[in-house]
C-alpha atoms as a PDB file:
ATOM      1  CA  MET A   1       3.795  95.255  77.059  1.00  0.00           C
ATOM      2  CA  ASP A   2       5.910  95.787  80.672  1.00  0.00           C
ATOM      3  CA  ALA A   3       3.618  98.266  83.689  1.00  0.00           C
ATOM      4  CA  ALA A   4       6.289 100.756  83.648  1.00  0.00           C
ATOM      5  CA  THR A   5       5.415 101.344  79.777  1.00  0.00           C
ATOM      6  CA  PHE A   6       1.755 101.108  80.131  1.00  0.00           C
ATOM      7  CA  PHE A   7       1.675 103.544  83.085  1.00  0.00           C
ATOM      8  CA  ALA A   8       4.061 105.929  81.733  1.00  0.00           C
ATOM      9  CA  ALA A   9       1.444 107.729  79.653  1.00  0.00           C
ATOM     10  CA  ARG A  10      -1.475 107.878  82.664  1.00  0.00           C
ATOM     11  CA  ARG A  11      -3.665 110.630  83.332  1.00  0.00           C
ATOM     12  CA  THR A  12      -5.563 111.899  85.560  1.00  0.00           C
ATOM     13  CA  VAL A  13      -9.033 113.404  85.678  1.00  0.00           C
ATOM     14  CA  ARG A  14     -10.862 115.313  88.615  1.00  0.00           C
ATOM     15  CA  THR A  15     -14.658 114.486  89.322  1.00  0.00           C
ATOM     16  CA  SER A  16     -17.081 114.333  91.918  1.00  0.00           C
ATOM     17  CA  SER A  17     -15.990 110.936  92.598  1.00  0.00           C
ATOM     18  CA  GLY A  18     -12.478 111.508  93.149  1.00  0.00           C
ATOM     19  CA  THR A  19      -9.136 111.709  90.658  1.00  0.00           C
ATOM     20  CA  ILE A  20      -9.834 109.468  87.930  1.00  0.00           C
ATOM     21  CA  GLY A  21      -6.658 107.564  86.563  1.00  0.00           C
ATOM     22  CA  TYR A  22      -6.555 106.103  83.437  1.00  0.00           C
ATOM     23  CA  VAL A  23      -4.101 105.409  80.391  1.00  0.00           C
ATOM     24  CA  GLU A  24      -5.866 106.406  76.591  1.00  0.00           C
ATOM     25  CA  ARG A  25      -3.720 105.163  73.147  1.00  0.00           C
ATOM     26  CA  GLY A  26      -4.759 105.948  69.635  1.00  0.00           C
ATOM     27  CA  THR A  27      -7.686 108.541  68.864  1.00  0.00           C
ATOM     28  CA  GLY A  28     -10.997 108.511  67.224  1.00  0.00           C
ATOM     29  CA  PRO A  29     -14.259 107.521  68.893  1.00  0.00           C
ATOM     30  CA  VAL A  30     -13.713 105.740  71.922  1.00  0.00           C
ATOM     31  CA  ALA A  31     -13.865 102.637  73.807  1.00  0.00           C
ATOM     32  CA  LEU A  32     -13.724 102.818  77.079  1.00  0.00           C
ATOM     33  CA  PHE A  33     -12.337  99.356  79.156  1.00  0.00           C
ATOM     34  CA  VAL A  34     -13.109  98.508  82.476  1.00  0.00           C
ATOM     35  CA  HIS A  35     -11.370  95.887  84.707  1.00  0.00           C
ATOM     36  CA  GLY A  36     -12.457  93.814  87.647  1.00  0.00           C
ATOM     37  CA  VAL A  37     -11.718  93.390  91.590  1.00  0.00           C
ATOM     38  CA  LEU A  38      -7.950  93.592  92.617  1.00  0.00           C
ATOM     39  CA  LEU A  39      -7.045  94.793  89.042  1.00  0.00           C
ATOM     40  CA  ASN A  40      -6.601  98.021  86.899  1.00  0.00           C
ATOM     41  CA  GLY A  41      -6.821  99.564  83.700  1.00  0.00           C
ATOM     42  CA  TYR A  42      -3.335  97.152  83.233  1.00  0.00           C
ATOM     43  CA  LEU A  43      -5.756  93.906  82.652  1.00  0.00           C
ATOM     44  CA  TRP A  44      -5.845  96.136  78.963  1.00  0.00           C
ATOM     45  CA  ARG A  45      -2.578  96.421  78.054  1.00  0.00           C
ATOM     46  CA  HIS A  46      -2.495  94.113  74.861  1.00  0.00           C
ATOM     47  CA  GLN A  47      -6.562  95.564  73.428  1.00  0.00           C
ATOM     48  CA  LEU A  48      -4.626  98.911  73.730  1.00  0.00           C
ATOM     49  CA  ASP A  49      -2.099  98.508  72.399  1.00  0.00           C
ATOM     50  CA  ALA A  50      -3.190  96.387  69.279  1.00  0.00           C
ATOM     51  CA  LEU A  51      -6.896  98.423  68.699  1.00  0.00           C
ATOM     52  CA  SER A  52      -5.917 101.766  68.916  1.00  0.00           C
ATOM     53  CA  ASP A  53      -5.394 102.249  65.085  1.00  0.00           C
ATOM     54  CA  VAL A  54      -9.834 101.848  65.255  1.00  0.00           C
ATOM     55  CA  ARG A  55     -10.454 103.476  68.229  1.00  0.00           C
ATOM     56  CA  ARG A  56      -9.242 105.958  70.931  1.00  0.00           C
ATOM     57  CA  CYS A  57      -8.696 102.894  73.417  1.00  0.00           C
ATOM     58  CA  ILE A  58      -8.989 104.200  77.314  1.00  0.00           C
ATOM     59  CA  ALA A  59      -8.082 102.123  80.334  1.00  0.00           C
ATOM     60  CA  VAL A  60     -10.018 103.061  83.290  1.00  0.00           C
ATOM     61  CA  ASP A  61      -8.887 102.406  87.219  1.00  0.00           C
ATOM     62  CA  LEU A  62     -11.932 101.725  88.913  1.00  0.00           C
ATOM     63  CA  LEU A  63     -12.983 103.724  92.298  1.00  0.00           C
ATOM     64  CA  ALA A  64     -10.536 101.819  94.758  1.00  0.00           C
ATOM     65  CA  HIS A  65      -8.341 100.159  92.152  1.00  0.00           C
ATOM     66  CA  GLY A  66      -4.741 101.440  90.607  1.00  0.00           C
ATOM     67  CA  HIS A  67      -4.083 104.889  90.475  1.00  0.00           C
ATOM     68  CA  THR A  68      -7.486 106.707  90.731  1.00  0.00           C
ATOM     69  CA  ASP A  69      -8.039 108.084  94.829  1.00  0.00           C
ATOM     70  CA  ALA A  70     -11.704 108.326  95.599  1.00  0.00           C
ATOM     71  CA  ALA A  71     -13.217 111.658  97.415  1.00  0.00           C
ATOM     72  CA  ASP A  72     -13.105 111.113 101.353  1.00  0.00           C
ATOM     73  CA  GLY A  73     -16.276 109.438 102.239  1.00  0.00           C
ATOM     74  CA  GLN A  74     -17.214 108.152  98.795  1.00  0.00           C
ATOM     75  CA  ASP A  75     -19.780 105.004  97.772  1.00  0.00           C
ATOM     76  CA  VAL A  76     -17.191 102.642  96.086  1.00  0.00           C
ATOM     77  CA  SER A  77     -20.077 100.091  95.356  1.00  0.00           C
ATOM     78  CA  VAL A  78     -20.468  99.037  92.030  1.00  0.00           C
ATOM     79  CA  THR A  79     -23.319 100.977  91.008  1.00  0.00           C
ATOM     80  CA  ALA A  80     -21.271 104.222  92.521  1.00  0.00           C
ATOM     81  CA  ASN A  81     -18.601 103.030  90.161  1.00  0.00           C
ATOM     82  CA  ALA A  82     -21.351 103.047  86.995  1.00  0.00           C
ATOM     83  CA  HIS A  83     -21.973 106.354  87.933  1.00  0.00           C
ATOM     84  CA  MET A  84     -18.383 107.578  88.332  1.00  0.00           C
ATOM     85  CA  LEU A  85     -17.923 106.381  84.267  1.00  0.00           C
ATOM     86  CA  ALA A  86     -20.449 108.358  83.252  1.00  0.00           C
ATOM     87  CA  GLN A  87     -18.979 111.569  85.455  1.00  0.00           C
ATOM     88  CA  PHE A  88     -15.594 110.491  84.380  1.00  0.00           C
ATOM     89  CA  LEU A  89     -16.950 110.635  80.469  1.00  0.00           C
ATOM     90  CA  ASP A  90     -18.215 114.429  80.909  1.00  0.00           C
ATOM     91  CA  ALA A  91     -15.431 115.362  82.816  1.00  0.00           C
ATOM     92  CA  LEU A  92     -12.956 114.223  79.724  1.00  0.00           C
ATOM     93  CA  GLY A  93     -16.481 115.792  77.362  1.00  0.00           C
ATOM     94  CA  ILE A  94     -16.664 112.132  75.247  1.00  0.00           C
ATOM     95  CA  ASP A  95     -20.810 111.526  74.526  1.00  0.00           C
ATOM     96  CA  ARG A  96     -20.697 107.925  73.824  1.00  0.00           C
ATOM     97  CA  VAL A  97     -18.409 105.187  73.827  1.00  0.00           C
ATOM     98  CA  ASP A  98     -18.274 101.236  73.070  1.00  0.00           C
ATOM     99  CA  LEU A  99     -17.388  99.910  76.299  1.00  0.00           C
ATOM    100  CA  VAL A 100     -15.897  96.625  76.875  1.00  0.00           C
ATOM    101  CA  GLY A 101     -15.841  94.982  80.856  1.00  0.00           C
ATOM    102  CA  ASN A 102     -14.683  91.820  82.348  1.00  0.00           C
ATOM    103  CA  ASP A 103     -15.394  90.014  85.955  1.00  0.00           C
ATOM    104  CA  SER A 104     -16.737  93.039  88.207  1.00  0.00           C
ATOM    105  CA  GLY A 105     -16.116  95.244  85.694  1.00  0.00           C
ATOM    106  CA  GLY A 106     -18.320  93.869  83.719  1.00  0.00           C
ATOM    107  CA  GLY A 107     -21.215  93.581  86.174  1.00  0.00           C
ATOM    108  CA  ILE A 108     -20.752  97.544  86.452  1.00  0.00           C
ATOM    109  CA  CYS A 109     -20.791  98.089  82.785  1.00  0.00           C
ATOM    110  CA  GLN A 110     -24.089  96.401  82.585  1.00  0.00           C
ATOM    111  CA  ILE A 111     -25.189  98.140  85.302  1.00  0.00           C
ATOM    112  CA  PHE A 112     -23.681 101.484  83.576  1.00  0.00           C
ATOM    113  CA  ALA A 113     -25.765  99.990  80.165  1.00  0.00           C
ATOM    114  CA  ALA A 114     -28.683  99.864  81.896  1.00  0.00           C
ATOM    115  CA  LEU A 115     -28.502 103.390  83.906  1.00  0.00           C
ATOM    116  CA  TYR A 116     -27.252 105.110  80.975  1.00  0.00           C
ATOM    117  CA  PRO A 117     -27.899 103.728  77.579  1.00  0.00           C
ATOM    118  CA  LYS A 118     -27.578 106.905  75.511  1.00  0.00           C
ATOM    119  CA  ARG A 119     -24.402 107.032  76.261  1.00  0.00           C
ATOM    120  CA  LEU A 120     -23.106 103.305  74.359  1.00  0.00           C
ATOM    121  CA  ARG A 121     -22.637 102.827  70.397  1.00  0.00           C
ATOM    122  CA  SER A 122     -21.428  99.606  71.455  1.00  0.00           C
ATOM    123  CA  LEU A 123     -21.420  97.150  74.484  1.00  0.00           C
ATOM    124  CA  THR A 124     -18.591  93.688  75.119  1.00  0.00           C
ATOM    125  CA  LEU A 125     -19.219  91.204  77.998  1.00  0.00           C
ATOM    126  CA  THR A 126     -16.633  88.944  78.912  1.00  0.00           C
ATOM    127  CA  ASN A 127     -17.184  86.529  81.875  1.00  0.00           C
ATOM    128  CA  CYS A 128     -18.893  88.413  84.893  1.00  0.00           C
ATOM    129  CA  ASP A 129     -20.873  88.896  87.491  1.00  0.00           C
ATOM    130  CA  ALA A 130     -24.465  89.080  86.086  1.00  0.00           C
ATOM    131  CA  HIS A 131     -27.944  88.950  87.312  1.00  0.00           C
ATOM    132  CA  ASP A 132     -28.065  87.150  90.587  1.00  0.00           C
ATOM    133  CA  ASN A 133     -24.762  85.686  90.189  1.00  0.00           C
ATOM    134  CA  TRP A 134     -22.412  88.254  92.109  1.00  0.00           C
ATOM    135  CA  PRO A 135     -21.216  87.203  94.077  1.00  0.00           C
ATOM    136  CA  PRO A 136     -20.626  84.097  92.670  1.00  0.00           C
ATOM    137  CA  GLU A 137     -20.636  80.947  94.786  1.00  0.00           C
ATOM    138  CA  ALA A 138     -16.948  79.935  94.083  1.00  0.00           C
ATOM    139  CA  PHE A 139     -15.693  83.578  95.276  1.00  0.00           C
ATOM    140  CA  ALA A 140     -17.839  83.336  98.505  1.00  0.00           C
ATOM    141  CA  PRO A 141     -15.022  82.862 100.369  1.00  0.00           C
ATOM    142  CA  PHE A 142     -13.049  85.598  99.500  1.00  0.00           C
ATOM    143  CA  VAL A 143     -16.004  87.666 100.462  1.00  0.00           C
ATOM    144  CA  ALA A 144     -16.250  86.021 103.796  1.00  0.00           C
ATOM    145  CA  MET A 145     -12.401  86.831 104.346  1.00  0.00           C
ATOM    146  CA  VAL A 146     -12.972  90.768 103.312  1.00  0.00           C
ATOM    147  CA  ALA A 147     -15.811  90.800 106.154  1.00  0.00           C
ATOM    148  CA  ASP A 148     -13.914  89.021 108.110  1.00  0.00           C
ATOM    149  CA  GLY A 149     -11.234  91.910 107.831  1.00  0.00           C
ATOM    150  CA  GLY A 150      -8.592  89.593 106.861  1.00  0.00           C
ATOM    151  CA  LEU A 151      -7.911  91.679 103.559  1.00  0.00           C
ATOM    152  CA  PRO A 152      -4.824  93.367 104.697  1.00  0.00           C
ATOM    153  CA  GLY A 153      -2.831  90.384 106.141  1.00  0.00           C
ATOM    154  CA  THR A 154      -3.912  88.146 102.469  1.00  0.00           C
ATOM    155  CA  ILE A 155      -2.777  91.639 100.742  1.00  0.00           C
ATOM    156  CA  GLN A 156       0.599  91.070 102.470  1.00  0.00           C
ATOM    157  CA  ALA A 157       1.066  87.471 102.027  1.00  0.00           C
ATOM    158  CA  MET A 158       0.555  88.190  98.555  1.00  0.00           C
ATOM    159  CA  VAL A 159       2.883  90.787  97.829  1.00  0.00           C
ATOM    160  CA  GLY A 160       5.559  88.683  99.781  1.00  0.00           C
ATOM    161  CA  ASP A 161       5.134  85.848  98.169  1.00  0.00           C
ATOM    162  CA  LYS A 162       3.653  85.623  94.390  1.00  0.00           C
ATOM    163  CA  SER A 163       3.119  81.869  94.380  1.00  0.00           C
ATOM    164  CA  VAL A 164       0.367  83.047  96.955  1.00  0.00           C
ATOM    165  CA  TYR A 165      -1.377  85.054  94.540  1.00  0.00           C
ATOM    166  CA  ARG A 166      -0.960  82.379  91.592  1.00  0.00           C
ATOM    167  CA  ALA A 167      -2.783  80.155  93.989  1.00  0.00           C
ATOM    168  CA  ALA A 168      -5.710  82.106  94.978  1.00  0.00           C
ATOM    169  CA  LEU A 169      -6.575  83.601  91.649  1.00  0.00           C
ATOM    170  CA  ALA A 170      -5.316  80.291  90.338  1.00  0.00           C
ATOM    171  CA  PRO A 171      -9.148  79.605  89.260  1.00  0.00           C
ATOM    172  CA  ALA A 172      -9.089  82.749  86.988  1.00  0.00           C
ATOM    173  CA  TYR A 173      -6.121  81.669  85.142  1.00  0.00           C
ATOM    174  CA  GLU A 174      -5.648  79.012  82.496  1.00  0.00           C
ATOM    175  CA  ARG A 175      -1.820  79.686  82.786  1.00  0.00           C
ATOM    176  CA  PRO A 176      -1.366  80.830  86.592  1.00  0.00           C
ATOM    177  CA  GLN A 177       2.638  79.839  86.592  1.00  0.00           C
ATOM    178  CA  ASP A 178       3.126  82.397  84.135  1.00  0.00           C
ATOM    179  CA  VAL A 179       1.686  85.393  85.678  1.00  0.00           C
ATOM    180  CA  SER A 180       4.592  87.036  86.297  1.00  0.00           C
ATOM    181  CA  ASP A 181       5.711  88.849  89.578  1.00  0.00           C
ATOM    182  CA  PRO A 182       6.097  92.084  88.110  1.00  0.00           C
ATOM    183  CA  THR A 183       2.437  91.677  86.928  1.00  0.00           C
ATOM    184  CA  ILE A 184       1.122  90.944  90.396  1.00  0.00           C
ATOM    185  CA  ASP A 185       2.810  93.959  92.366  1.00  0.00           C
ATOM    186  CA  THR A 186       1.328  96.121  89.357  1.00  0.00           C
ATOM    187  CA  TYR A 187      -2.039  95.091  90.628  1.00  0.00           C
ATOM    188  CA  LEU A 188      -1.610  94.835  94.263  1.00  0.00           C
ATOM    189  CA  GLN A 189       0.512  97.444  94.661  1.00  0.00           C
ATOM    190  CA  PRO A 190      -1.678 100.051  94.820  1.00  0.00           C
ATOM    191  CA  PHE A 191      -3.047  98.235  97.966  1.00  0.00           C
ATOM    192  CA  ALA A 192      -0.463  97.561  99.864  1.00  0.00           C
ATOM    193  CA  ARG A 193       1.156 100.785  99.587  1.00  0.00           C
ATOM    194  CA  ASP A 194      -1.854 102.559 100.779  1.00  0.00           C
ATOM    195  CA  ALA A 195      -3.884 101.524 104.128  1.00  0.00           C
ATOM    196  CA  ARG A 196      -6.754 104.123 102.698  1.00  0.00           C
ATOM    197  CA  ARG A 197      -6.570 102.423  99.163  1.00  0.00           C
ATOM    198  CA  LEU A 198      -7.011  98.952 101.266  1.00  0.00           C
ATOM    199  CA  LYS A 199      -9.881 100.316 103.161  1.00  0.00           C
ATOM    200  CA  GLN A 200     -11.785 101.269 100.172  1.00  0.00           C
ATOM    201  CA  LEU A 201     -11.496  97.664  98.139  1.00  0.00           C
ATOM    202  CA  GLU A 202     -12.570  96.473 101.570  1.00  0.00           C
ATOM    203  CA  ALA A 203     -15.831  98.742 101.369  1.00  0.00           C
ATOM    204  CA  PHE A 204     -15.971  97.531  97.182  1.00  0.00           C
ATOM    205  CA  VAL A 205     -16.067  94.099  97.626  1.00  0.00           C
ATOM    206  CA  ASN A 206     -18.504  94.491 101.053  1.00  0.00           C
ATOM    207  CA  ALA A 207     -20.694  96.012  99.029  1.00  0.00           C
ATOM    208  CA  PHE A 208     -20.714  93.112  96.883  1.00  0.00           C
ATOM    209  CA  ASP A 209     -24.389  91.982  96.315  1.00  0.00           C
ATOM    210  CA  CYS A 210     -26.156  91.007  93.448  1.00  0.00           C
ATOM    211  CA  ARG A 211     -29.409  93.652  94.303  1.00  0.00           C
ATOM    212  CA  HIS A 212     -27.355  96.003  92.198  1.00  0.00           C
ATOM    213  CA  THR A 213     -27.566  94.018  89.193  1.00  0.00           C
ATOM    214  CA  LEU A 214     -31.903  92.847  89.550  1.00  0.00           C
ATOM    215  CA  ALA A 215     -32.147  95.992  90.076  1.00  0.00           C
ATOM    216  CA  ILE A 216     -31.424  97.465  85.765  1.00  0.00           C
ATOM    217  CA  GLU A 217     -32.364  93.709  84.365  1.00  0.00           C
ATOM    218  CA  ASP A 218     -35.903  96.189  83.158  1.00  0.00           C
ATOM    219  CA  GLY A 219     -32.914  98.261  81.811  1.00  0.00           C
ATOM    220  CA  LEU A 220     -30.903  95.569  80.208  1.00  0.00           C
ATOM    221  CA  ARG A 221     -33.579  94.029  78.841  1.00  0.00           C
ATOM    222  CA  THR A 222     -34.565  96.979  76.196  1.00  0.00           C
ATOM    223  CA  LEU A 223     -30.855  97.610  75.552  1.00  0.00           C
ATOM    224  CA  GLN A 224     -30.608  97.572  71.208  1.00  0.00           C
ATOM    225  CA  VAL A 225     -26.760  98.721  71.186  1.00  0.00           C
ATOM    226  CA  PRO A 226     -24.602  96.044  69.015  1.00  0.00           C
ATOM    227  CA  THR A 227     -23.773  93.891  72.042  1.00  0.00           C
ATOM    228  CA  LEU A 228     -20.691  90.910  72.015  1.00  0.00           C
ATOM    229  CA  ILE A 229     -20.550  88.612  74.135  1.00  0.00           C
ATOM    230  CA  ALA A 230     -17.318  86.751  74.708  1.00  0.00           C
ATOM    231  CA  TRP A 231     -16.869  84.165  76.969  1.00  0.00           C
ATOM    232  CA  GLY A 232     -14.333  81.553  78.473  1.00  0.00           C
ATOM    233  CA  THR A 233     -15.629  77.815  78.895  1.00  0.00           C
ATOM    234  CA  ASP A 234     -13.558  76.640  81.563  1.00  0.00           C
ATOM    235  CA  ASP A 235     -14.586  79.033  84.865  1.00  0.00           C
ATOM    236  CA  ILE A 236     -15.590  78.259  88.037  1.00  0.00           C
ATOM    237  CA  TYR A 237     -16.699  81.826  88.568  1.00  0.00           C
ATOM    238  CA  PHE A 238     -18.999  82.600  85.737  1.00  0.00           C
ATOM    239  CA  ALA A 239     -20.615  79.256  83.946  1.00  0.00           C
ATOM    240  CA  VAL A 240     -20.819  79.754  79.877  1.00  0.00           C
ATOM    241  CA  GLU A 241     -24.852  79.965  80.778  1.00  0.00           C
ATOM    242  CA  TRP A 242     -24.608  83.229  81.787  1.00  0.00           C
ATOM    243  CA  SER A 243     -23.589  84.005  78.199  1.00  0.00           C
ATOM    244  CA  HIS A 244     -26.220  82.268  77.415  1.00  0.00           C
ATOM    245  CA  TRP A 245     -28.341  84.219  79.804  1.00  0.00           C
ATOM    246  CA  LEU A 246     -27.169  87.542  78.600  1.00  0.00           C
ATOM    247  CA  GLN A 247     -27.484  86.816  74.917  1.00  0.00           C
ATOM    248  CA  LYS A 248     -31.083  86.502  75.961  1.00  0.00           C
ATOM    249  CA  ALA A 249     -31.557  89.720  78.286  1.00  0.00           C
ATOM    250  CA  ILE A 250     -30.004  91.547  75.720  1.00  0.00           C
ATOM    251  CA  PRO A 251     -31.465  92.158  72.903  1.00  0.00           C
ATOM    252  CA  GLY A 252     -29.157  94.194  70.983  1.00  0.00           C
ATOM    253  CA  THR A 253     -26.608  91.308  71.535  1.00  0.00           C
ATOM    254  CA  THR A 254     -25.249  90.336  67.480  1.00  0.00           C
ATOM    255  CA  ARG A 255     -22.537  87.940  68.719  1.00  0.00           C
ATOM    256  CA  ARG A 256     -21.551  85.164  71.375  1.00  0.00           C
ATOM    257  CA  VAL A 257     -18.440  83.786  71.105  1.00  0.00           C
ATOM    258  CA  GLU A 258     -16.737  81.020  73.157  1.00  0.00           C
ATOM    259  CA  PHE A 259     -13.087  80.910  73.916  1.00  0.00           C
ATOM    260  CA  GLU A 260     -12.822  76.878  74.870  1.00  0.00           C
ATOM    261  CA  GLY A 261     -10.891  76.667  77.951  1.00  0.00           C
ATOM    262  CA  ALA A 262     -10.688  79.782  78.260  1.00  0.00           C
ATOM    263  CA  ARG A 263     -10.488  81.047  81.889  1.00  0.00           C
ATOM    264  CA  ILE A 264     -11.923  85.077  83.806  1.00  0.00           C
ATOM    265  CA  PHE A 265      -8.716  86.645  82.648  1.00  0.00           C
ATOM    266  CA  PHE A 266      -8.901  85.615  78.592  1.00  0.00           C
ATOM    267  CA  PRO A 267      -8.323  89.135  77.619  1.00  0.00           C
ATOM    268  CA  GLU A 268      -4.796  88.984  79.471  1.00  0.00           C
ATOM    269  CA  GLU A 269      -3.962  85.492  78.339  1.00  0.00           C
ATOM    270  CA  ARG A 270      -5.443  85.166  74.910  1.00  0.00           C
ATOM    271  CA  PRO A 271      -5.271  88.255  73.296  1.00  0.00           C
ATOM    272  CA  ASP A 272      -4.775  87.457  69.754  1.00  0.00           C
ATOM    273  CA  ASP A 273      -8.006  85.220  69.850  1.00  0.00           C
ATOM    274  CA  PHE A 274     -10.112  88.076  71.803  1.00  0.00           C
ATOM    275  CA  ASN A 275      -8.689  90.793  70.160  1.00  0.00           C
ATOM    276  CA  ARG A 276      -9.858  89.034  66.424  1.00  0.00           C
ATOM    277  CA  GLU A 277     -13.704  89.231  67.760  1.00  0.00           C
ATOM    278  CA  LEU A 278     -13.255  92.622  69.593  1.00  0.00           C
ATOM    279  CA  ARG A 279     -11.953  94.075  66.216  1.00  0.00           C
ATOM    280  CA  ALA A 280     -14.661  92.817  64.470  1.00  0.00           C
ATOM    281  CA  HIS A 281     -17.304  94.040  66.795  1.00  0.00           C
ATOM    282  CA  LEU A 282     -15.619  97.590  66.740  1.00  0.00           C
ATOM    283  CA  GLU A 283     -15.415  97.835  63.159  1.00  0.00           C
ATOM    284  CA  ALA A 284     -19.210  96.846  62.342  1.00  0.00           C
ATOM    285  CA  THR A 285     -20.427  99.481  64.421  1.00  0.00           C
ATOM    286  CA  LEU A 286     -18.183 102.599  63.512  1.00  0.00           C
ATOM    287  CA  ALA A 287     -19.847 103.038  59.972  1.00  0.00           C
ATOM    288  CA  SER A 288     -23.281 103.503  61.612  1.00  0.00           C
ATOM    289  CA  ALA A 289     -22.382 105.413  64.452  1.00  0.00           C
ATOM    290  CA  PRO A 290     -23.060 109.325  64.550  1.00  0.00           C
ATOM    291  CA  ARG A 291     -19.930 111.340  65.066  1.00  0.00           C
ATOM    292  CA  THR A 292     -20.115 113.102  68.311  1.00  0.00           C
ATOM    293  CA  ARG A 293     -17.768 114.829  70.818  1.00  0.00           C
ATOM    294  CA  ASP A 294     -16.233 111.408  71.787  1.00  0.00           C
ATOM    295  CA  ASN A 295     -14.112 111.511  68.515  1.00  0.00           C
ATOM    296  CA  ALA A 296     -12.068 114.515  69.673  1.00  0.00           C
ATOM    297  CA  THR A 297      -8.642 113.451  70.929  1.00  0.00           C
ATOM    298  CA  ALA A 298      -7.924 114.606  74.520  1.00  0.00           C
END
């Protein structure tokens, strides 16, 4: 699915955090998909395409990303994004969701889960920040570059020469050479063409700090919702040991699965493998979940 097709159905909804962009497919109980830094809801195109028969699948654009327009002066930190997700669900009249997160979006999902546990039907975490591994050591040079004011030049360089993007994000992809120019533009053009959005991205990265996840550890340790932990093993940012940490920390964990040789963005690169696991997880939680407002269509 190309970006034009994916975003042709884009919608927005107003919240106190700003106007939030999202794409949805399907009907029934809601599954909410949360991307990480530099990306947007397009990361989840294969999941929305494949799983819309079992869920009303919604891919949201985080504050400072994609087609979301944060309010003036809005905090765009990861904790603020977790609160935004609650506002987003309120605006759409959705009580409970199956929450799915990747990368920094997975960290945001953990914060949401700890702060709003009653709003979860299930949780799925893929390679992501956790506990005191935020930002991970291997990502520290990027964080330092942003802090030093280098983000505008970096974004322009990656947009102007897609090989710069592929080289910079090579550790996040199994096959960076296969990431198409249109896909890179879909992720980066919102920053390149909007100076305000670029400043918000700077603020998002500058707020990276493990205090956000350390603060909600107690909440994770009491989380009982069915939780799938799906992890790529070839990841310099989020080693497989972090999947074990999450499994032990979250008592509701029902399955931990590894994708041998996969890296952070395996939902995009290995959709069939991931969708098979996610479908089984979603179907297993459906029968026992009470019927609530999230069964309504928008």
